[in-house]
Amino acid sequence: MWSNKARDTVRRQGRGLSMSQVAEKVAEAVVRVREARRQAAAPGGWGEVGGAPAELARVWEARLVEWRRVAALLESDGCATYEPSRGPDGGVVAGEREQRRREALTRQEGWLAQQRDEQDELRTELWLAADVSRRLRSIAARAGVTPEQVLAQLAEHARATDAAR
């Protein structure tokens, strides 16, 4: 879990950084890992994000791995700056991210459509006199449906007309 989050964080923060800037990020991550481990070893210590220091150490360890990966990529490719899409898995990750974005948009559109439909729905409670209720139940029983389904069919086929006739 942390490795995916670390990779996304490093990709976002590393875009456009030079080799020397990436080296600074690696050095910072080394210091953060060391501090978090020291704090985790201390009794009752808590991390800067409100979590346990051991958890914070795992986060920084994952980031350190990613920063080192970026540094190795820049060194092997001889690029001046880091661009996540140029990496060996950059296109794959970008494609996966785009797929997740499309799926999220599809879910959002479905949710919005459902919200619109729910706004158009009418929910009502109907109290009928005993004799009307008995007739409705009898009609429903003969049709093999529930009384609610009979009323829904009536409402579906009802038409508004001019009351002046």
Protein backbone atom coordinates (compact mmCIF):
# COMPACT_ATOMS: atom_id res chain seq x y z
CA MET A 1 0.00 0.00 0.00
CA TRP A 2 2.67 2.50 1.01
CA SER A 3 4.75 1.75 -2.07
CA ASN A 4 1.91 2.80 -4.41
CA LYS A 5 1.28 5.98 -2.45
CA ALA A 6 5.00 6.68 -2.26
CA ARG A 7 5.36 6.15 -6.02
CA ASP A 8 2.50 8.56 -6.74
CA THR A 9 3.91 11.14 -4.32
CA VAL A 10 7.43 10.92 -5.74
CA ARG A 11 6.13 11.06 -9.32
CA ARG A 12 4.15 14.18 -8.48
CA GLN A 13 6.91 15.90 -6.48
CA GLY A 14 9.74 14.78 -8.73
CA ARG A 15 8.43 16.05 -12.06
CA GLY A 16 10.97 18.46 -13.54
CA LEU A 17 13.62 17.96 -10.83
CA SER A 18 17.27 17.77 -11.81
CA MET A 19 19.67 15.02 -10.71
CA SER A 20 21.05 17.22 -7.93
CA GLN A 21 17.55 18.04 -6.67
CA VAL A 22 16.65 14.34 -6.69
CA ALA A 23 19.86 13.63 -4.76
CA GLU A 24 18.71 16.18 -2.16
CA LYS A 25 15.35 14.38 -1.94
CA VAL A 26 17.17 11.06 -1.41
CA ALA A 27 19.28 12.60 1.36
CA GLU A 28 16.18 14.12 2.98
CA ALA A 29 14.39 10.77 2.87
CA VAL A 30 17.41 9.05 4.49
CA VAL A 31 17.31 11.58 7.33
CA ARG A 32 13.53 11.20 7.72
CA VAL A 33 13.77 7.41 7.86
CA ARG A 34 16.51 7.63 10.49
CA GLU A 35 14.51 10.14 12.59
CA ALA A 36 11.32 8.11 12.34
CA ARG A 37 13.12 4.91 13.35
CA ARG A 38 14.74 6.68 16.31
CA GLN A 39 11.37 8.08 17.36
CA ALA A 40 9.77 4.63 16.96
CA ALA A 41 12.41 3.18 19.29
CA ALA A 42 11.67 5.85 21.93
CA PRO A 43 8.87 4.88 24.35
CA GLY A 44 5.55 6.61 23.63
CA GLY A 45 6.77 8.70 20.67
CA TRP A 46 4.29 9.85 18.02
CA GLY A 47 4.91 10.88 14.46
CA GLU A 48 4.33 14.23 12.78
CA VAL A 49 1.17 13.00 11.03
CA GLY A 50 -0.44 11.78 14.21
CA GLY A 51 0.38 8.13 13.60
CA ALA A 52 2.78 5.74 15.20
CA PRO A 53 6.44 6.45 14.43
CA ALA A 54 6.89 2.93 13.05
CA GLU A 55 4.17 3.65 10.49
CA LEU A 56 5.80 6.97 9.61
CA ALA A 57 9.13 5.16 9.19
CA ARG A 58 7.49 2.75 6.70
CA VAL A 59 6.11 5.69 4.73
CA TRP A 60 9.53 7.34 4.49
CA GLU A 61 11.23 4.03 3.68
CA ALA A 62 8.86 3.60 0.73
CA ARG A 63 9.55 7.15 -0.40
CA LEU A 64 13.31 6.58 -0.07
CA VAL A 65 13.06 3.54 -2.32
CA GLU A 66 11.17 5.60 -4.89
CA TRP A 67 13.58 8.55 -4.75
CA ARG A 68 16.48 6.14 -5.25
CA ARG A 69 14.64 4.59 -8.20
CA VAL A 70 14.21 8.06 -9.75
CA ALA A 71 17.90 8.87 -9.18
CA ALA A 72 18.92 5.59 -10.83
CA LEU A 73 16.58 6.27 -13.75
CA LEU A 74 18.04 9.77 -14.31
CA GLU A 75 21.56 8.39 -14.11
CA SER A 76 20.92 5.51 -16.52
CA ASP A 77 18.97 7.61 -19.05
CA GLY A 78 21.24 10.65 -18.79
CA CYS A 79 18.20 12.95 -18.68
CA ALA A 80 18.53 16.47 -17.31
CA THR A 81 15.21 16.35 -15.45
CA TYR A 82 12.80 13.70 -14.24
CA GLU A 83 9.64 13.11 -16.22
CA PRO A 84 7.53 10.23 -14.86
CA SER A 85 6.22 9.31 -18.30
CA ARG A 86 9.76 8.59 -19.59
CA GLY A 87 10.40 5.80 -17.11
CA PRO A 88 10.22 2.14 -18.07
CA ASP A 89 6.79 1.83 -16.48
CA GLY A 90 5.74 5.46 -16.96
CA GLY A 91 3.41 4.76 -19.86
CA VAL A 92 1.85 1.82 -18.02
CA VAL A 93 1.32 3.84 -14.85
CA ALA A 94 -0.07 6.77 -16.81
CA GLY A 95 -2.45 4.41 -18.61
CA GLU A 96 -3.55 2.85 -15.33
CA ARG A 97 -4.08 6.30 -13.82
CA GLU A 98 -6.12 7.36 -16.86
CA GLN A 99 -8.20 4.17 -16.60
CA ARG A 100 -8.87 4.84 -12.89
CA ARG A 101 -9.84 8.42 -13.76
CA ARG A 102 -12.28 7.24 -16.45
CA GLU A 103 -13.79 4.68 -14.06
CA ALA A 104 -14.19 7.35 -11.38
CA LEU A 105 -15.89 9.67 -13.87
CA THR A 106 -18.23 6.86 -14.95
CA ARG A 107 -19.11 6.13 -11.31
CA GLN A 108 -19.69 9.86 -10.72
CA GLU A 109 -21.98 10.11 -13.76
CA GLY A 110 -23.94 7.07 -12.58
CA TRP A 111 -24.28 8.54 -9.10
CA LEU A 112 -25.47 11.88 -10.51
CA ALA A 113 -28.05 10.10 -12.70
CA GLN A 114 -29.26 8.17 -9.67
CA GLN A 115 -29.56 11.41 -7.71
CA ARG A 116 -31.60 13.00 -10.51
CA ASP A 117 -33.87 9.95 -10.66
CA GLU A 118 -34.38 10.03 -6.90
CA GLN A 119 -35.33 13.71 -7.10
CA ASP A 120 -37.99 12.84 -9.67
CA GLU A 121 -39.43 10.02 -7.56
CA LEU A 122 -42.49 10.66 -5.47
CA ARG A 123 -42.93 8.74 -2.28
CA THR A 124 -46.22 9.10 -0.55
CA GLU A 125 -48.27 7.46 2.13
CA LEU A 126 -51.90 6.81 1.29
CA TRP A 127 -54.62 6.11 3.84
CA LEU A 128 -57.73 4.58 2.37
CA ALA A 129 -61.11 4.00 3.93
CA ALA A 130 -61.72 0.38 4.97
CA ASP A 131 -64.19 -0.40 2.18
CA VAL A 132 -61.90 1.14 -0.51
CA SER A 133 -58.95 -0.74 0.94
CA ARG A 134 -60.85 -4.06 0.80
CA ARG A 135 -61.80 -3.46 -2.85
CA LEU A 136 -58.22 -2.57 -3.72
CA ARG A 137 -56.91 -5.73 -2.04
CA SER A 138 -59.50 -7.82 -3.85
CA ILE A 139 -58.54 -6.34 -7.24
CA ALA A 140 -54.87 -6.87 -6.50
CA ALA A 141 -55.42 -10.49 -5.41
CA ARG A 142 -57.36 -11.26 -8.60
CA ALA A 143 -54.57 -9.70 -10.70
CA GLY A 144 -51.87 -11.50 -8.72
CA VAL A 145 -50.08 -8.32 -7.69
CA THR A 146 -49.76 -6.25 -4.53
CA PRO A 147 -52.08 -3.32 -3.78
CA GLU A 148 -49.06 -1.00 -4.15
CA GLN A 149 -48.48 -2.29 -7.68
CA VAL A 150 -52.14 -1.63 -8.57
CA LEU A 151 -51.83 1.95 -7.34
CA ALA A 152 -48.53 2.39 -9.22
CA GLN A 153 -50.23 1.20 -12.44
CA LEU A 154 -53.11 3.62 -11.86
CA ALA A 155 -50.70 6.49 -11.30
CA GLU A 156 -48.67 5.51 -14.36
CA HIS A 157 -51.73 5.66 -16.60
CA ALA A 158 -53.31 8.73 -15.04
CA ARG A 159 -53.54 11.78 -17.30
CA ALA A 160 -54.04 15.38 -16.33
CA THR A 161 -57.11 16.86 -18.02
CA ASP A 162 -58.87 20.18 -18.00
CA ALA A 163 -61.11 20.22 -14.88
CA ALA A 164 -63.58 22.67 -16.54
CA ARG A 165 -65.24 19.96 -18.65
